[in-house]
């Protein structure tokens, strides 16, 4: 692509100023994210596609986008508060359930931690041990 040479004869120094600009690429759709402001001509143009923009419409669109962003930010903050409250509630429930589980384990404690099982798979030996322990406690 060739470069565009722009000559400005309107400057106050009575000497023309030269500036070299790269040609603007054609884009079928441009959201005009960057703009250039010409103070002398009071023109607002897109830095990407070169289209001259209506200043009021551009500022109006910026205001709409900013309002949307603030609404989204407010909604996200509310979501964070709700999720924080839910997290705290769940932490309390987990600690309560851990305590209940610990109490249940203490209530079910048995003096025989590993009951002995006969080699043939008969549990008679362990049942006899439990009966003997219970008989000792009752007497």
C-alpha atoms as a PDB file:
ATOM      1  CA  UNK A   1       0.000   0.000   0.000  1.00  0.00           C
ATOM      2  CA  UNK A   2       1.139   3.494  -0.689  1.00  0.00           C
ATOM      3  CA  UNK A   3       1.275   6.257   1.878  1.00  0.00           C
ATOM      4  CA  UNK A   4      -0.899   9.350   1.850  1.00  0.00           C
ATOM      5  CA  UNK A   5       0.836  12.699   2.195  1.00  0.00           C
ATOM      6  CA  UNK A   6      -1.289  15.393   3.762  1.00  0.00           C
ATOM      7  CA  UNK A   7      -0.391  19.046   3.406  1.00  0.00           C
ATOM      8  CA  UNK A   8      -1.900  21.599   5.763  1.00  0.00           C
ATOM      9  CA  UNK A   9      -1.905  25.180   4.432  1.00  0.00           C
ATOM     10  CA  UNK A  10      -4.014  26.561   7.269  1.00  0.00           C
ATOM     11  CA  UNK A  11      -1.365  26.698   9.978  1.00  0.00           C
ATOM     12  CA  UNK A  12      -0.391  30.049  11.435  1.00  0.00           C
ATOM     13  CA  UNK A  13       3.322  29.802  10.642  1.00  0.00           C
ATOM     14  CA  UNK A  14       2.565  30.491   6.942  1.00  0.00           C
ATOM     15  CA  UNK A  15       4.518  27.419   6.005  1.00  0.00           C
ATOM     16  CA  UNK A  16       2.733  24.288   4.923  1.00  0.00           C
ATOM     17  CA  UNK A  17       3.084  21.328   7.278  1.00  0.00           C
ATOM     18  CA  UNK A  18       3.513  17.859   5.896  1.00  0.00           C
ATOM     19  CA  UNK A  19       2.349  14.673   7.539  1.00  0.00           C
ATOM     20  CA  UNK A  20       2.459  11.149   6.246  1.00  0.00           C
ATOM     21  CA  UNK A  21      -0.471   8.926   7.022  1.00  0.00           C
ATOM     22  CA  UNK A  22      -0.942   5.285   6.277  1.00  0.00           C
ATOM     23  CA  UNK A  23      -4.024   4.556   4.222  1.00  0.00           C
ATOM     24  CA  UNK A  24      -6.997   3.372   6.194  1.00  0.00           C
ATOM     25  CA  UNK A  25      -8.005  -0.240   5.604  1.00  0.00           C
ATOM     26  CA  UNK A  26     -11.559  -0.845   4.525  1.00  0.00           C
ATOM     27  CA  UNK A  27     -13.586  -2.628   7.184  1.00  0.00           C
ATOM     28  CA  UNK A  28     -17.127  -3.795   6.502  1.00  0.00           C
ATOM     29  CA  UNK A  29     -18.075  -3.106  10.118  1.00  0.00           C
ATOM     30  CA  UNK A  30     -16.275  -0.889  12.594  1.00  0.00           C
ATOM     31  CA  UNK A  31     -17.417  -0.102  16.125  1.00  0.00           C
ATOM     32  CA  UNK A  32     -15.134   2.970  16.166  1.00  0.00           C
ATOM     33  CA  UNK A  33     -13.195   2.112  19.342  1.00  0.00           C
ATOM     34  CA  UNK A  34     -10.585   4.823  18.711  1.00  0.00           C
ATOM     35  CA  UNK A  35     -11.341   8.309  17.501  1.00  0.00           C
ATOM     36  CA  UNK A  36      -9.310  11.257  16.303  1.00  0.00           C
ATOM     37  CA  UNK A  37     -10.381  14.821  17.052  1.00  0.00           C
ATOM     38  CA  UNK A  38      -9.506  17.577  14.626  1.00  0.00           C
ATOM     39  CA  UNK A  39      -9.525  20.791  16.683  1.00  0.00           C
ATOM     40  CA  UNK A  40      -9.338  23.104  13.664  1.00  0.00           C
ATOM     41  CA  UNK A  41     -12.174  21.555  11.674  1.00  0.00           C
ATOM     42  CA  UNK A  42     -14.054  20.383  14.793  1.00  0.00           C
ATOM     43  CA  UNK A  43     -14.416  16.910  13.270  1.00  0.00           C
ATOM     44  CA  UNK A  44     -14.526  13.595  15.044  1.00  0.00           C
ATOM     45  CA  UNK A  45     -13.316  10.658  12.939  1.00  0.00           C
ATOM     46  CA  UNK A  46     -12.592   6.993  13.541  1.00  0.00           C
ATOM     47  CA  UNK A  47      -8.893   6.167  13.782  1.00  0.00           C
ATOM     48  CA  UNK A  48      -9.492   2.666  12.392  1.00  0.00           C
ATOM     49  CA  UNK A  49     -11.823   3.146   9.441  1.00  0.00           C
ATOM     50  CA  UNK A  50     -11.544   6.914   8.865  1.00  0.00           C
ATOM     51  CA  UNK A  51     -15.296   7.544   8.911  1.00  0.00           C
ATOM     52  CA  UNK A  52     -16.378  11.018  10.062  1.00  0.00           C
ATOM     53  CA  UNK A  53     -18.619  10.597  13.115  1.00  0.00           C
ATOM     54  CA  UNK A  54     -21.428  12.670  14.523  1.00  0.00           C
ATOM     55  CA  UNK A  55     -20.091  13.925  17.854  1.00  0.00           C
ATOM     56  CA  UNK A  56     -23.467  13.909  19.615  1.00  0.00           C
ATOM     57  CA  UNK A  57     -24.227  10.358  18.512  1.00  0.00           C
ATOM     58  CA  UNK A  58     -20.764   9.181  19.568  1.00  0.00           C
ATOM     59  CA  UNK A  59     -21.077  10.722  23.047  1.00  0.00           C
ATOM     60  CA  UNK A  60     -24.631   9.362  23.366  1.00  0.00           C
ATOM     61  CA  UNK A  61     -23.416   5.831  22.535  1.00  0.00           C
ATOM     62  CA  UNK A  62     -20.599   6.195  25.068  1.00  0.00           C
ATOM     63  CA  UNK A  63     -23.118   7.213  27.741  1.00  0.00           C
ATOM     64  CA  UNK A  64     -25.298   4.184  26.970  1.00  0.00           C
ATOM     65  CA  UNK A  65     -22.287   1.834  27.174  1.00  0.00           C
ATOM     66  CA  UNK A  66     -21.159   3.404  30.454  1.00  0.00           C
ATOM     67  CA  UNK A  67     -24.646   3.070  31.960  1.00  0.00           C
ATOM     68  CA  UNK A  68     -24.708  -0.591  30.942  1.00  0.00           C
ATOM     69  CA  UNK A  69     -21.292  -1.142  32.518  1.00  0.00           C
ATOM     70  CA  UNK A  70     -22.369   0.452  35.807  1.00  0.00           C
ATOM     71  CA  UNK A  71     -25.535  -1.678  35.877  1.00  0.00           C
ATOM     72  CA  UNK A  72     -23.475  -4.808  35.253  1.00  0.00           C
ATOM     73  CA  UNK A  73     -21.026  -3.815  37.974  1.00  0.00           C
ATOM     74  CA  UNK A  74     -23.866  -3.247  40.461  1.00  0.00           C
ATOM     75  CA  UNK A  75     -25.386  -6.635  39.600  1.00  0.00           C
ATOM     76  CA  UNK A  76     -22.013  -8.373  39.999  1.00  0.00           C
ATOM     77  CA  UNK A  77     -21.497  -6.763  43.415  1.00  0.00           C
ATOM     78  CA  UNK A  78     -24.933  -8.009  44.504  1.00  0.00           C
ATOM     79  CA  UNK A  79     -24.047 -11.497  43.256  1.00  0.00           C
ATOM     80  CA  UNK A  80     -20.798 -11.407  45.243  1.00  0.00           C
ATOM     81  CA  UNK A  81     -22.711 -10.452  48.405  1.00  0.00           C
ATOM     82  CA  UNK A  82     -25.246 -13.264  47.859  1.00  0.00           C
ATOM     83  CA  UNK A  83     -22.529 -15.817  47.192  1.00  0.00           C
ATOM     84  CA  UNK A  84     -20.559 -14.682  50.242  1.00  0.00           C
ATOM     85  CA  UNK A  85     -23.621 -15.152  52.442  1.00  0.00           C
ATOM     86  CA  UNK A  86     -24.253 -18.594  50.921  1.00  0.00           C
ATOM     87  CA  UNK A  87     -20.609 -19.567  51.484  1.00  0.00           C
ATOM     88  CA  UNK A  88     -20.770 -18.499  55.135  1.00  0.00           C
ATOM     89  CA  UNK A  89     -23.995 -20.472  55.630  1.00  0.00           C
ATOM     90  CA  UNK A  90     -22.426 -23.562  54.060  1.00  0.00           C
ATOM     91  CA  UNK A  91     -19.315 -23.230  56.244  1.00  0.00           C
ATOM     92  CA  UNK A  92     -21.530 -23.153  59.343  1.00  0.00           C
ATOM     93  CA  UNK A  93     -23.454 -26.196  58.141  1.00  0.00           C
ATOM     94  CA  UNK A  94     -20.240 -28.116  57.459  1.00  0.00           C
ATOM     95  CA  UNK A  95     -18.844 -27.359  60.914  1.00  0.00           C
ATOM     96  CA  UNK A  96     -22.183 -28.316  62.517  1.00  0.00           C
ATOM     97  CA  UNK A  97     -22.289 -31.600  60.580  1.00  0.00           C
ATOM     98  CA  UNK A  98     -18.675 -32.381  61.498  1.00  0.00           C
ATOM     99  CA  UNK A  99     -19.521 -31.870  65.168  1.00  0.00           C
ATOM    100  CA  UNK A 100     -22.617 -34.088  64.892  1.00  0.00           C
ATOM    101  CA  UNK A 101     -20.562 -36.752  63.128  1.00  0.00           C
ATOM    102  CA  UNK A 102     -17.930 -36.622  65.863  1.00  0.00           C
ATOM    103  CA  UNK A 103     -20.597 -36.979  68.557  1.00  0.00           C
ATOM    104  CA  UNK A 104     -22.147 -39.935  66.745  1.00  0.00           C
ATOM    105  CA  UNK A 105     -18.762 -41.656  66.512  1.00  0.00           C
ATOM    106  CA  UNK A 106     -18.144 -41.097  70.230  1.00  0.00           C
ATOM    107  CA  UNK A 107     -21.578 -42.480  71.098  1.00  0.00           C
ATOM    108  CA  UNK A 108     -20.962 -45.619  69.050  1.00  0.00           C
ATOM    109  CA  UNK A 109     -17.491 -46.344  70.481  1.00  0.00           C
ATOM    110  CA  UNK A 110     -16.951 -50.005  71.164  1.00  0.00           C
ATOM    111  CA  UNK A 111     -14.026 -51.381  73.204  1.00  0.00           C
ATOM    112  CA  UNK A 112     -13.289 -53.846  70.416  1.00  0.00           C
ATOM    113  CA  UNK A 113     -11.931 -51.852  67.518  1.00  0.00           C
ATOM    114  CA  UNK A 114     -10.974 -54.840  65.386  1.00  0.00           C
ATOM    115  CA  UNK A 115     -13.144 -57.848  66.135  1.00  0.00           C
ATOM    116  CA  UNK A 116     -11.307 -61.109  65.664  1.00  0.00           C
ATOM    117  CA  UNK A 117     -12.776 -63.399  63.053  1.00  0.00           C
ATOM    118  CA  UNK A 118     -12.166 -67.110  62.921  1.00  0.00           C
ATOM    119  CA  UNK A 119     -10.179 -68.337  59.951  1.00  0.00           C
ATOM    120  CA  UNK A 120     -13.162 -70.151  58.535  1.00  0.00           C
ATOM    121  CA  UNK A 121     -15.145 -66.891  58.356  1.00  0.00           C
ATOM    122  CA  UNK A 122     -17.185 -67.677  61.460  1.00  0.00           C
ATOM    123  CA  UNK A 123     -17.888 -64.613  63.611  1.00  0.00           C
ATOM    124  CA  UNK A 124     -18.585 -66.629  66.724  1.00  0.00           C
ATOM    125  CA  UNK A 125     -15.337 -65.597  68.383  1.00  0.00           C
ATOM    126  CA  UNK A 126     -16.033 -61.882  68.055  1.00  0.00           C
ATOM    127  CA  UNK A 127     -19.615 -62.305  69.252  1.00  0.00           C
ATOM    128  CA  UNK A 128     -18.360 -64.159  72.334  1.00  0.00           C
ATOM    129  CA  UNK A 129     -15.913 -61.330  73.049  1.00  0.00           C
ATOM    130  CA  UNK A 130     -18.711 -58.741  72.863  1.00  0.00           C
ATOM    131  CA  UNK A 131     -20.970 -60.836  75.143  1.00  0.00           C
ATOM    132  CA  UNK A 132     -18.176 -61.164  77.681  1.00  0.00           C
ATOM    133  CA  UNK A 133     -17.505 -57.404  77.676  1.00  0.00           C
ATOM    134  CA  UNK A 134     -21.198 -56.602  78.109  1.00  0.00           C
ATOM    135  CA  UNK A 135     -21.488 -59.142  80.926  1.00  0.00           C
ATOM    136  CA  UNK A 136     -18.477 -57.575  82.694  1.00  0.00           C
ATOM    137  CA  UNK A 137     -19.992 -54.086  82.441  1.00  0.00           C
ATOM    138  CA  UNK A 138     -23.379 -55.174  83.818  1.00  0.00           C
ATOM    139  CA  UNK A 139     -21.874 -56.821  86.872  1.00  0.00           C
END
